[in-house]
C-alpha atoms as a PDB file:
ATOM      1  CA  UNK A   1     102.551  54.103  44.624  1.00  0.00           C
ATOM      2  CA  UNK A   2     103.676  57.717  44.545  1.00  0.00           C
ATOM      3  CA  UNK A   3     103.315  59.984  41.529  1.00  0.00           C
ATOM      4  CA  UNK A   4     105.380  63.016  42.315  1.00  0.00           C
ATOM      5  CA  UNK A   5     104.379  63.882  45.874  1.00  0.00           C
ATOM      6  CA  UNK A   6     100.946  62.227  45.563  1.00  0.00           C
ATOM      7  CA  UNK A   7     100.769  58.983  47.514  1.00  0.00           C
ATOM      8  CA  UNK A   8      98.096  56.626  46.192  1.00  0.00           C
ATOM      9  CA  UNK A   9      99.018  53.799  48.544  1.00  0.00           C
ATOM     10  CA  UNK A  10      99.956  50.234  47.685  1.00  0.00           C
ATOM     11  CA  UNK A  11      98.165  48.484  44.823  1.00  0.00           C
ATOM     12  CA  UNK A  12      96.440  51.611  43.559  1.00  0.00           C
ATOM     13  CA  UNK A  13      93.332  51.094  41.424  1.00  0.00           C
ATOM     14  CA  UNK A  14      92.491  53.982  39.116  1.00  0.00           C
ATOM     15  CA  UNK A  15      89.744  54.947  36.682  1.00  0.00           C
ATOM     16  CA  UNK A  16      90.930  55.098  33.070  1.00  0.00           C
ATOM     17  CA  UNK A  17      90.307  58.195  30.965  1.00  0.00           C
ATOM     18  CA  UNK A  18      87.480  57.486  28.510  1.00  0.00           C
ATOM     19  CA  UNK A  19      85.926  59.901  26.043  1.00  0.00           C
ATOM     20  CA  UNK A  20      82.206  60.480  26.638  1.00  0.00           C
ATOM     21  CA  UNK A  21      82.415  58.405  29.823  1.00  0.00           C
ATOM     22  CA  UNK A  22      84.633  59.958  32.485  1.00  0.00           C
ATOM     23  CA  UNK A  23      82.786  63.225  32.998  1.00  0.00           C
ATOM     24  CA  UNK A  24      82.762  64.842  36.429  1.00  0.00           C
ATOM     25  CA  UNK A  25      79.709  62.995  37.740  1.00  0.00           C
ATOM     26  CA  UNK A  26      81.025  59.558  36.747  1.00  0.00           C
ATOM     27  CA  UNK A  27      84.448  60.324  38.176  1.00  0.00           C
ATOM     28  CA  UNK A  28      82.869  61.351  41.473  1.00  0.00           C
ATOM     29  CA  UNK A  29      80.814  58.177  41.583  1.00  0.00           C
ATOM     30  CA  UNK A  30      83.838  55.958  40.923  1.00  0.00           C
ATOM     31  CA  UNK A  31      85.757  57.889  43.560  1.00  0.00           C
ATOM     32  CA  UNK A  32      82.903  57.260  45.995  1.00  0.00           C
ATOM     33  CA  UNK A  33      83.204  53.541  45.371  1.00  0.00           C
ATOM     34  CA  UNK A  34      86.949  53.473  45.987  1.00  0.00           C
ATOM     35  CA  UNK A  35      88.903  54.563  42.895  1.00  0.00           C
ATOM     36  CA  UNK A  36      92.274  55.841  44.121  1.00  0.00           C
ATOM     37  CA  UNK A  37      92.642  58.292  41.228  1.00  0.00           C
ATOM     38  CA  UNK A  38      90.526  59.394  38.287  1.00  0.00           C
ATOM     39  CA  UNK A  39      91.213  60.898  34.865  1.00  0.00           C
ATOM     40  CA  UNK A  40      89.186  63.323  32.782  1.00  0.00           C
ATOM     41  CA  UNK A  41      88.055  62.653  29.241  1.00  0.00           C
ATOM     42  CA  UNK A  42      90.849  63.472  26.838  1.00  0.00           C
ATOM     43  CA  UNK A  43      91.306  67.099  25.888  1.00  0.00           C
ATOM     44  CA  UNK A  44      92.430  68.274  22.444  1.00  0.00           C
ATOM     45  CA  UNK A  45      95.390  70.635  22.618  1.00  0.00           C
ATOM     46  CA  UNK A  46      94.340  72.314  19.372  1.00  0.00           C
ATOM     47  CA  UNK A  47      90.787  72.915  20.595  1.00  0.00           C
ATOM     48  CA  UNK A  48      92.053  74.138  23.948  1.00  0.00           C
ATOM     49  CA  UNK A  49      94.338  76.811  22.550  1.00  0.00           C
ATOM     50  CA  UNK A  50      91.534  77.891  20.193  1.00  0.00           C
ATOM     51  CA  UNK A  51      89.336  78.420  23.270  1.00  0.00           C
ATOM     52  CA  UNK A  52      86.622  75.964  22.200  1.00  0.00           C
ATOM     53  CA  UNK A  53      84.102  76.202  25.020  1.00  0.00           C
ATOM     54  CA  UNK A  54      83.100  72.515  25.020  1.00  0.00           C
ATOM     55  CA  UNK A  55      86.757  71.546  25.401  1.00  0.00           C
ATOM     56  CA  UNK A  56      87.376  74.112  28.136  1.00  0.00           C
ATOM     57  CA  UNK A  57      84.491  72.637  30.105  1.00  0.00           C
ATOM     58  CA  UNK A  58      86.361  69.331  30.328  1.00  0.00           C
ATOM     59  CA  UNK A  59      88.960  71.032  32.521  1.00  0.00           C
ATOM     60  CA  UNK A  60      86.512  71.475  35.402  1.00  0.00           C
ATOM     61  CA  UNK A  61      87.494  69.314  38.361  1.00  0.00           C
ATOM     62  CA  UNK A  62      85.825  68.997  41.761  1.00  0.00           C
ATOM     63  CA  UNK A  63      87.680  68.953  45.058  1.00  0.00           C
ATOM     64  CA  UNK A  64      85.902  65.721  46.013  1.00  0.00           C
ATOM     65  CA  UNK A  65      87.418  63.771  43.119  1.00  0.00           C
ATOM     66  CA  UNK A  66      91.075  64.445  43.901  1.00  0.00           C
ATOM     67  CA  UNK A  67      93.590  63.215  43.039  1.00  0.00           C
ATOM     68  CA  UNK A  68      92.556  63.821  39.449  1.00  0.00           C
ATOM     69  CA  UNK A  69      94.532  64.032  36.204  1.00  0.00           C
ATOM     70  CA  UNK A  70      93.597  65.994  33.114  1.00  0.00           C
ATOM     71  CA  UNK A  71      94.472  64.043  29.969  1.00  0.00           C
ATOM     72  CA  UNK A  72      95.778  65.945  26.953  1.00  0.00           C
ATOM     73  CA  UNK A  73      96.392  64.857  23.373  1.00  0.00           C
ATOM     74  CA  UNK A  74      97.862  66.455  20.286  1.00  0.00           C
ATOM     75  CA  UNK A  75     100.739  66.165  17.814  1.00  0.00           C
ATOM     76  CA  UNK A  76     102.495  69.545  17.820  1.00  0.00           C
ATOM     77  CA  UNK A  77     105.068  70.624  20.384  1.00  0.00           C
ATOM     78  CA  UNK A  78     104.000  74.259  20.657  1.00  0.00           C
ATOM     79  CA  UNK A  79     100.283  73.496  20.881  1.00  0.00           C
ATOM     80  CA  UNK A  80     100.844  70.786  23.496  1.00  0.00           C
ATOM     81  CA  UNK A  81     103.037  72.975  25.697  1.00  0.00           C
ATOM     82  CA  UNK A  82     100.629  75.913  25.498  1.00  0.00           C
ATOM     83  CA  UNK A  83      97.671  73.644  26.214  1.00  0.00           C
ATOM     84  CA  UNK A  84      99.556  72.044  29.109  1.00  0.00           C
ATOM     85  CA  UNK A  85      99.889  75.426  30.786  1.00  0.00           C
ATOM     86  CA  UNK A  86      96.168  76.043  30.331  1.00  0.00           C
ATOM     87  CA  UNK A  87      95.458  72.662  31.921  1.00  0.00           C
ATOM     88  CA  UNK A  88      97.735  73.484  34.831  1.00  0.00           C
ATOM     89  CA  UNK A  89      95.751  76.669  35.467  1.00  0.00           C
ATOM     90  CA  UNK A  90      92.680  74.443  36.053  1.00  0.00           C
ATOM     91  CA  UNK A  91      94.538  73.013  39.079  1.00  0.00           C
ATOM     92  CA  UNK A  92      94.520  69.257  38.465  1.00  0.00           C
ATOM     93  CA  UNK A  93      96.850  67.111  40.541  1.00  0.00           C
ATOM     94  CA  UNK A  94      98.694  65.948  37.458  1.00  0.00           C
ATOM     95  CA  UNK A  95      98.709  66.081  33.659  1.00  0.00           C
ATOM     96  CA  UNK A  96      98.519  62.921  31.548  1.00  0.00           C
ATOM     97  CA  UNK A  97      99.641  62.773  27.918  1.00  0.00           C
ATOM     98  CA  UNK A  98      97.547  60.532  25.686  1.00  0.00           C
ATOM     99  CA  UNK A  99      99.765  58.565  23.324  1.00  0.00           C
ATOM    100  CA  UNK A 100      97.398  55.608  23.202  1.00  0.00           C
ATOM    101  CA  UNK A 101      93.991  56.502  21.744  1.00  0.00           C
ATOM    102  CA  UNK A 102      93.559  54.156  18.753  1.00  0.00           C
ATOM    103  CA  UNK A 103      90.508  55.655  17.028  1.00  0.00           C
ATOM    104  CA  UNK A 104      91.005  56.745  13.441  1.00  0.00           C
ATOM    105  CA  UNK A 105      90.045  60.400  13.897  1.00  0.00           C
ATOM    106  CA  UNK A 106      92.831  60.746  16.486  1.00  0.00           C
ATOM    107  CA  UNK A 107      95.529  58.169  15.683  1.00  0.00           C
ATOM    108  CA  UNK A 108      94.998  58.519  11.946  1.00  0.00           C
ATOM    109  CA  UNK A 109      95.956  62.178  12.204  1.00  0.00           C
ATOM    110  CA  UNK A 110      99.134  61.444  14.135  1.00  0.00           C
ATOM    111  CA  UNK A 111      97.926  62.104  17.678  1.00  0.00           C
ATOM    112  CA  UNK A 112      97.093  59.567  20.407  1.00  0.00           C
ATOM    113  CA  UNK A 113      98.448  56.154  19.404  1.00  0.00           C
ATOM    114  CA  UNK A 114      99.524  57.750  16.133  1.00  0.00           C
ATOM    115  CA  UNK A 115     102.505  59.118  18.070  1.00  0.00           C
ATOM    116  CA  UNK A 116     103.825  55.545  18.236  1.00  0.00           C
ATOM    117  CA  UNK A 117     104.869  56.009  14.611  1.00  0.00           C
ATOM    118  CA  UNK A 118     106.816  59.198  15.347  1.00  0.00           C
ATOM    119  CA  UNK A 119     108.747  58.374  18.508  1.00  0.00           C
ATOM    120  CA  UNK A 120     111.216  61.297  18.292  1.00  0.00           C
ATOM    121  CA  UNK A 121     108.277  63.737  18.159  1.00  0.00           C
ATOM    122  CA  UNK A 122     106.557  61.936  21.035  1.00  0.00           C
ATOM    123  CA  UNK A 123     109.688  62.285  23.154  1.00  0.00           C
ATOM    124  CA  UNK A 124     110.145  65.934  22.219  1.00  0.00           C
ATOM    125  CA  UNK A 125     106.546  66.737  23.149  1.00  0.00           C
ATOM    126  CA  UNK A 126     106.914  64.887  26.442  1.00  0.00           C
ATOM    127  CA  UNK A 127     110.161  66.627  27.338  1.00  0.00           C
ATOM    128  CA  UNK A 128     108.801  70.092  26.528  1.00  0.00           C
ATOM    129  CA  UNK A 129     105.528  69.563  28.406  1.00  0.00           C
ATOM    130  CA  UNK A 130     107.415  68.386  31.492  1.00  0.00           C
ATOM    131  CA  UNK A 131     109.474  71.589  31.349  1.00  0.00           C
ATOM    132  CA  UNK A 132     106.390  73.756  30.766  1.00  0.00           C
ATOM    133  CA  UNK A 133     104.431  72.844  33.909  1.00  0.00           C
ATOM    134  CA  UNK A 134     105.070  72.439  37.626  1.00  0.00           C
ATOM    135  CA  UNK A 135     102.763  69.477  38.242  1.00  0.00           C
ATOM    136  CA  UNK A 136     103.604  65.806  37.643  1.00  0.00           C
ATOM    137  CA  UNK A 137     103.332  64.731  34.005  1.00  0.00           C
ATOM    138  CA  UNK A 138     102.416  61.136  33.200  1.00  0.00           C
ATOM    139  CA  UNK A 139     101.948  59.221  29.951  1.00  0.00           C
ATOM    140  CA  UNK A 140      99.393  56.652  28.806  1.00  0.00           C
ATOM    141  CA  UNK A 141     100.267  54.614  25.730  1.00  0.00           C
ATOM    142  CA  UNK A 142     100.111  51.143  24.145  1.00  0.00           C
ATOM    143  CA  UNK A 143     102.551  48.316  23.390  1.00  0.00           C
ATOM    144  CA  UNK A 144     103.324  49.743  19.972  1.00  0.00           C
ATOM    145  CA  UNK A 145     101.720  50.464  16.621  1.00  0.00           C
ATOM    146  CA  UNK A 146     101.317  46.826  15.525  1.00  0.00           C
ATOM    147  CA  UNK A 147     102.549  43.312  16.249  1.00  0.00           C
ATOM    148  CA  UNK A 148     105.835  43.974  14.423  1.00  0.00           C
ATOM    149  CA  UNK A 149     106.531  47.118  16.428  1.00  0.00           C
ATOM    150  CA  UNK A 150     105.937  46.245  20.101  1.00  0.00           C
ATOM    151  CA  UNK A 151     108.438  48.823  21.325  1.00  0.00           C
ATOM    152  CA  UNK A 152     107.073  49.640  24.759  1.00  0.00           C
ATOM    153  CA  UNK A 153     109.939  48.248  26.871  1.00  0.00           C
ATOM    154  CA  UNK A 154     112.535  50.541  25.293  1.00  0.00           C
ATOM    155  CA  UNK A 155     110.048  53.382  24.927  1.00  0.00           C
ATOM    156  CA  UNK A 156     109.193  53.278  28.627  1.00  0.00           C
ATOM    157  CA  UNK A 157     112.776  54.030  29.557  1.00  0.00           C
ATOM    158  CA  UNK A 158     112.979  56.833  26.986  1.00  0.00           C
ATOM    159  CA  UNK A 159     109.804  58.433  28.346  1.00  0.00           C
ATOM    160  CA  UNK A 160     111.173  58.177  31.867  1.00  0.00           C
ATOM    161  CA  UNK A 161     114.293  60.016  30.687  1.00  0.00           C
ATOM    162  CA  UNK A 162     112.010  62.828  29.475  1.00  0.00           C
ATOM    163  CA  UNK A 163     110.992  63.419  33.085  1.00  0.00           C
ATOM    164  CA  UNK A 164     107.560  61.811  33.406  1.00  0.00           C
ATOM    165  CA  UNK A 165     106.406  60.754  36.874  1.00  0.00           C
ATOM    166  CA  UNK A 166     104.451  57.591  35.953  1.00  0.00           C
ATOM    167  CA  UNK A 167     103.588  55.470  32.926  1.00  0.00           C
ATOM    168  CA  UNK A 168     100.303  53.710  32.106  1.00  0.00           C
ATOM    169  CA  UNK A 169     100.349  51.002  29.439  1.00  0.00           C
ATOM    170  CA  UNK A 170      97.383  49.395  27.699  1.00  0.00           C
ATOM    171  CA  UNK A 171      98.315  45.830  26.815  1.00  0.00           C
ATOM    172  CA  UNK A 172      97.354  46.064  23.141  1.00  0.00           C
ATOM    173  CA  UNK A 173      98.876  47.578  20.022  1.00  0.00           C
ATOM    174  CA  UNK A 174      97.121  50.324  18.111  1.00  0.00           C
ATOM    175  CA  UNK A 175      96.293  47.878  15.325  1.00  0.00           C
ATOM    176  CA  UNK A 176      94.412  45.682  17.789  1.00  0.00           C
ATOM    177  CA  UNK A 177      92.164  48.562  18.807  1.00  0.00           C
ATOM    178  CA  UNK A 178      90.114  46.822  21.551  1.00  0.00           C
ATOM    179  CA  UNK A 179      90.013  43.342  19.984  1.00  0.00           C
ATOM    180  CA  UNK A 180      91.641  40.184  21.247  1.00  0.00           C
ATOM    181  CA  UNK A 181      93.062  39.869  24.730  1.00  0.00           C
ATOM    182  CA  UNK A 182      95.291  42.420  26.414  1.00  0.00           C
ATOM    183  CA  UNK A 183      98.884  41.150  26.706  1.00  0.00           C
ATOM    184  CA  UNK A 184     100.496  42.187  29.984  1.00  0.00           C
ATOM    185  CA  UNK A 185     103.786  40.315  29.472  1.00  0.00           C
ATOM    186  CA  UNK A 186     105.599  43.390  28.132  1.00  0.00           C
ATOM    187  CA  UNK A 187     104.196  45.448  30.990  1.00  0.00           C
ATOM    188  CA  UNK A 188     105.897  42.984  33.340  1.00  0.00           C
ATOM    189  CA  UNK A 189     109.147  43.396  31.362  1.00  0.00           C
ATOM    190  CA  UNK A 190     108.975  47.146  31.936  1.00  0.00           C
ATOM    191  CA  UNK A 191     108.724  46.503  35.676  1.00  0.00           C
ATOM    192  CA  UNK A 192     111.634  44.040  35.502  1.00  0.00           C
ATOM    193  CA  UNK A 193     113.901  46.633  33.898  1.00  0.00           C
ATOM    194  CA  UNK A 194     116.249  47.691  36.737  1.00  0.00           C
ATOM    195  CA  UNK A 195     116.613  51.139  35.181  1.00  0.00           C
ATOM    196  CA  UNK A 196     112.915  51.929  35.579  1.00  0.00           C
ATOM    197  CA  UNK A 197     112.257  54.056  38.643  1.00  0.00           C
ATOM    198  CA  UNK A 198     108.786  55.487  38.026  1.00  0.00           C
ATOM    199  CA  UNK A 199     105.488  53.731  38.815  1.00  0.00           C
ATOM    200  CA  UNK A 200     103.989  51.563  36.074  1.00  0.00           C
ATOM    201  CA  UNK A 201     100.223  51.197  35.773  1.00  0.00           C
ATOM    202  CA  UNK A 202      98.762  48.342  33.743  1.00  0.00           C
ATOM    203  CA  UNK A 203      95.553  48.618  31.730  1.00  0.00           C
ATOM    204  CA  UNK A 204      93.459  46.213  29.701  1.00  0.00           C
ATOM    205  CA  UNK A 205      90.661  43.681  30.317  1.00  0.00           C
ATOM    206  CA  UNK A 206      90.343  44.273  34.064  1.00  0.00           C
ATOM    207  CA  UNK A 207      86.683  43.379  34.539  1.00  0.00           C
ATOM    208  CA  UNK A 208      86.568  41.801  37.995  1.00  0.00           C
ATOM    209  CA  UNK A 209      88.175  41.901  41.414  1.00  0.00           C
ATOM    210  CA  UNK A 210      89.843  38.539  40.818  1.00  0.00           C
ATOM    211  CA  UNK A 211      91.418  39.685  37.544  1.00  0.00           C
ATOM    212  CA  UNK A 212      92.672  42.871  39.176  1.00  0.00           C
ATOM    213  CA  UNK A 213      94.426  40.950  41.940  1.00  0.00           C
ATOM    214  CA  UNK A 214      95.903  38.551  39.397  1.00  0.00           C
ATOM    215  CA  UNK A 215      97.348  41.523  37.483  1.00  0.00           C
ATOM    216  CA  UNK A 216      99.069  42.787  40.612  1.00  0.00           C
ATOM    217  CA  UNK A 217     100.338  39.369  41.662  1.00  0.00           C
ATOM    218  CA  UNK A 218     101.505  38.088  38.274  1.00  0.00           C
ATOM    219  CA  UNK A 219     102.789  41.240  36.589  1.00  0.00           C
ATOM    220  CA  UNK A 220     104.145  43.264  39.527  1.00  0.00           C
ATOM    221  CA  UNK A 221     102.571  46.538  38.462  1.00  0.00           C
ATOM    222  CA  UNK A 222     102.344  49.469  40.864  1.00  0.00           C
ATOM    223  CA  UNK A 223      98.779  50.254  39.860  1.00  0.00           C
ATOM    224  CA  UNK A 224      95.925  48.844  37.827  1.00  0.00           C
ATOM    225  CA  UNK A 225      93.720  50.968  35.589  1.00  0.00           C
ATOM    226  CA  UNK A 226      90.082  50.011  35.048  1.00  0.00           C
ATOM    227  CA  UNK A 227      88.396  51.257  31.887  1.00  0.00           C
ATOM    228  CA  UNK A 228      85.513  49.575  30.083  1.00  0.00           C
ATOM    229  CA  UNK A 229      84.908  47.293  33.068  1.00  0.00           C
ATOM    230  CA  UNK A 230      83.576  50.300  34.982  1.00  0.00           C
ATOM    231  CA  UNK A 231      81.016  51.432  32.377  1.00  0.00           C
ATOM    232  CA  UNK A 232      77.581  50.771  33.822  1.00  0.00           C
ATOM    233  CA  UNK A 233      79.337  49.357  36.857  1.00  0.00           C
ATOM    234  CA  UNK A 234      81.000  52.076  38.956  1.00  0.00           C
ATOM    235  CA  UNK A 235      80.712  49.787  41.975  1.00  0.00           C
ATOM    236  CA  UNK A 236      83.511  47.614  40.538  1.00  0.00           C
ATOM    237  CA  UNK A 237      86.016  49.693  42.510  1.00  0.00           C
ATOM    238  CA  UNK A 238      84.252  48.772  45.754  1.00  0.00           C
ATOM    239  CA  UNK A 239      84.427  45.107  44.808  1.00  0.00           C
ATOM    240  CA  UNK A 240      88.098  45.317  43.853  1.00  0.00           C
ATOM    241  CA  UNK A 241      89.233  47.162  46.969  1.00  0.00           C
ATOM    242  CA  UNK A 242      87.386  44.740  49.235  1.00  0.00           C
ATOM    243  CA  UNK A 243      88.980  41.737  47.515  1.00  0.00           C
ATOM    244  CA  UNK A 244      92.467  43.243  47.598  1.00  0.00           C
ATOM    245  CA  UNK A 245      92.130  44.097  51.282  1.00  0.00           C
ATOM    246  CA  UNK A 246      90.466  40.898  52.531  1.00  0.00           C
ATOM    247  CA  UNK A 247      90.966  38.163  49.946  1.00  0.00           C
ATOM    248  CA  UNK A 248      87.217  37.585  49.967  1.00  0.00           C
ATOM    249  CA  UNK A 249      84.683  38.519  47.322  1.00  0.00           C
ATOM    250  CA  UNK A 250      82.319  41.262  48.435  1.00  0.00           C
ATOM    251  CA  UNK A 251      78.810  39.850  48.949  1.00  0.00           C
ATOM    252  CA  UNK A 252      76.429  41.076  46.259  1.00  0.00           C
ATOM    253  CA  UNK A 253      73.796  43.678  47.056  1.00  0.00           C
ATOM    254  CA  UNK A 254      70.137  43.532  46.062  1.00  0.00           C
ATOM    255  CA  UNK A 255      69.104  44.149  42.472  1.00  0.00           C
ATOM    256  CA  UNK A 256      67.383  47.343  43.602  1.00  0.00           C
ATOM    257  CA  UNK A 257      70.619  48.617  45.179  1.00  0.00           C
ATOM    258  CA  UNK A 258      72.434  48.425  41.846  1.00  0.00           C
ATOM    259  CA  UNK A 259      69.417  49.773  39.980  1.00  0.00           C
ATOM    260  CA  UNK A 260      69.324  52.830  42.237  1.00  0.00           C
ATOM    261  CA  UNK A 261      72.948  53.585  41.362  1.00  0.00           C
ATOM    262  CA  UNK A 262      72.164  53.486  37.646  1.00  0.00           C
ATOM    263  CA  UNK A 263      69.168  55.755  38.208  1.00  0.00           C
ATOM    264  CA  UNK A 264      71.402  58.146  40.125  1.00  0.00           C
ATOM    265  CA  UNK A 265      73.749  58.204  37.146  1.00  0.00           C
ATOM    266  CA  UNK A 266      70.815  59.071  34.889  1.00  0.00           C
ATOM    267  CA  UNK A 267      69.798  61.999  37.080  1.00  0.00           C
ATOM    268  CA  UNK A 268      73.362  63.295  37.330  1.00  0.00           C
ATOM    269  CA  UNK A 269      73.781  63.109  33.561  1.00  0.00           C
ATOM    270  CA  UNK A 270      70.529  64.990  32.973  1.00  0.00           C
ATOM    271  CA  UNK A 271      71.472  67.620  35.547  1.00  0.00           C
ATOM    272  CA  UNK A 272      74.887  68.141  33.938  1.00  0.00           C
ATOM    273  CA  UNK A 273      73.584  68.381  30.388  1.00  0.00           C
ATOM    274  CA  UNK A 274      69.811  68.453  29.864  1.00  0.00           C
ATOM    275  CA  UNK A 275      67.162  65.769  29.595  1.00  0.00           C
ATOM    276  CA  UNK A 276      67.663  64.853  25.946  1.00  0.00           C
ATOM    277  CA  UNK A 277      71.459  64.951  25.884  1.00  0.00           C
ATOM    278  CA  UNK A 278      71.751  63.506  29.376  1.00  0.00           C
ATOM    279  CA  UNK A 279      69.755  60.413  28.465  1.00  0.00           C
ATOM    280  CA  UNK A 280      71.683  59.973  25.224  1.00  0.00           C
ATOM    281  CA  UNK A 281      74.922  60.180  27.199  1.00  0.00           C
ATOM    282  CA  UNK A 282      73.893  57.609  29.800  1.00  0.00           C
ATOM    283  CA  UNK A 283      72.690  55.001  27.296  1.00  0.00           C
ATOM    284  CA  UNK A 284      76.222  53.657  27.012  1.00  0.00           C
ATOM    285  CA  UNK A 285      76.184  52.809  30.712  1.00  0.00           C
ATOM    286  CA  UNK A 286      72.723  51.239  30.552  1.00  0.00           C
ATOM    287  CA  UNK A 287      73.734  49.137  27.552  1.00  0.00           C
ATOM    288  CA  UNK A 288      76.981  47.965  29.175  1.00  0.00           C
ATOM    289  CA  UNK A 289      75.876  47.266  32.728  1.00  0.00           C
ATOM    290  CA  UNK A 290      76.051  43.606  33.841  1.00  0.00           C
ATOM    291  CA  UNK A 291      72.920  44.156  35.954  1.00  0.00           C
ATOM    292  CA  UNK A 292      70.608  43.124  33.111  1.00  0.00           C
ATOM    293  CA  UNK A 293      72.899  40.513  31.572  1.00  0.00           C
ATOM    294  CA  UNK A 294      71.145  37.339  32.720  1.00  0.00           C
ATOM    295  CA  UNK A 295      67.543  38.513  32.705  1.00  0.00           C
ATOM    296  CA  UNK A 296      65.488  36.181  30.476  1.00  0.00           C
ATOM    297  CA  UNK A 297      63.576  37.603  27.508  1.00  0.00           C
ATOM    298  CA  UNK A 298      65.061  41.024  28.184  1.00  0.00           C
ATOM    299  CA  UNK A 299      65.620  42.038  24.558  1.00  0.00           C
ATOM    300  CA  UNK A 300      62.302  43.843  24.089  1.00  0.00           C
ATOM    301  CA  UNK A 301      62.663  45.706  27.378  1.00  0.00           C
ATOM    302  CA  UNK A 302      66.249  46.590  26.511  1.00  0.00           C
ATOM    303  CA  UNK A 303      65.167  48.144  23.216  1.00  0.00           C
ATOM    304  CA  UNK A 304      62.493  50.212  24.988  1.00  0.00           C
ATOM    305  CA  UNK A 305      64.968  51.254  27.676  1.00  0.00           C
ATOM    306  CA  UNK A 306      67.557  52.446  25.161  1.00  0.00           C
ATOM    307  CA  UNK A 307      64.912  54.290  23.134  1.00  0.00           C
ATOM    308  CA  UNK A 308      63.444  56.169  26.089  1.00  0.00           C
ATOM    309  CA  UNK A 309      63.705  59.925  25.597  1.00  0.00           C
ATOM    310  CA  UNK A 310      62.560  61.228  28.990  1.00  0.00           C
ATOM    311  CA  UNK A 311      63.526  60.439  32.557  1.00  0.00           C
ATOM    312  CA  UNK A 312      59.917  59.583  33.371  1.00  0.00           C
ATOM    313  CA  UNK A 313      59.685  57.028  30.565  1.00  0.00           C
ATOM    314  CA  UNK A 314      63.065  55.534  31.370  1.00  0.00           C
ATOM    315  CA  UNK A 315      62.379  55.245  35.093  1.00  0.00           C
ATOM    316  CA  UNK A 316      58.951  53.738  34.441  1.00  0.00           C
ATOM    317  CA  UNK A 317      60.716  50.948  32.565  1.00  0.00           C
ATOM    318  CA  UNK A 318      63.491  50.488  35.131  1.00  0.00           C
ATOM    319  CA  UNK A 319      61.081  50.510  38.061  1.00  0.00           C
ATOM    320  CA  UNK A 320      59.102  47.597  36.623  1.00  0.00           C
ATOM    321  CA  UNK A 321      62.106  45.284  36.469  1.00  0.00           C
ATOM    322  CA  UNK A 322      62.187  44.136  40.119  1.00  0.00           C
ATOM    323  CA  UNK A 323      58.536  43.129  39.935  1.00  0.00           C
ATOM    324  CA  UNK A 324      58.679  41.554  36.468  1.00  0.00           C
ATOM    325  CA  UNK A 325      61.650  39.394  37.393  1.00  0.00           C
ATOM    326  CA  UNK A 326      60.871  39.047  41.100  1.00  0.00           C
ATOM    327  CA  UNK A 327      64.179  40.657  41.974  1.00  0.00           C
ATOM    328  CA  UNK A 328      63.314  42.693  45.044  1.00  0.00           C
ATOM    329  CA  UNK A 329      65.594  40.515  47.156  1.00  0.00           C
ATOM    330  CA  UNK A 330      67.676  38.788  44.503  1.00  0.00           C
ATOM    331  CA  UNK A 331      71.324  39.619  43.960  1.00  0.00           C
ATOM    332  CA  UNK A 332      73.697  39.583  40.997  1.00  0.00           C
END
């Protein structure tokens, strides 16, 4: 799969952009475990052109995480084009336009998936951003606004005509948010359209190596995007790549091996922010990780873990788990 001049190889597996998740340290960790490309958290065009420092900080990319895309959202042509140029100055490998975020504070104001209700404006923004920058521009969107407006097959071709270099599609409508199952059948129809020339990346409910391979085999996509399945589990990319390359599931590591990765995430989060904010940030990963899923009578420990306010307290809890559950040698 090539996006512009960037060759991601066959059956590319990429990390989805996720707000409050895909910061630099998490992107680097997913890259370490085999992600072929990573995306930043989404960046508000309005905040960027107003020079909001917190938003500007999201533009920082590390050489080790390339290829990396900065994701931008907004609903006004001028703001999006100006913000796109600012993003380009941060030297990402590509720029991704977010036309898929379903949350009310974004979509409800007409940005993100809200653009699915104003297709002419979406196309105008896309066309003008492509003209404004010299790096590849891609788009991430959904099937449509609701079940009665699943317009993605026609929309994909229109976006291609605007000059984008790749398209990522989440297999849900905006109305579905993240409920129900992702429907990849329309993503396959995009790929079956003989007029489509750009790579198509599928997204939605990819939570294992087997599912990822099934998405490639059954729907013919050029790439697969992993989102929530990577939270608390950055090693999923290692599992997926091994399965795609060999056809065999990667043997599980020891409980302590996975635990050490989560502890490394904690330390990176604290280093990037500070102890209080870093621990608050990482709780989402600790809550989502499958590592603790089948531990019996874990509820009380889980509550203590997610209430810990210092690294020392948190690590004291985590370090007791192998002994409590006799997991020094056990695997997932």
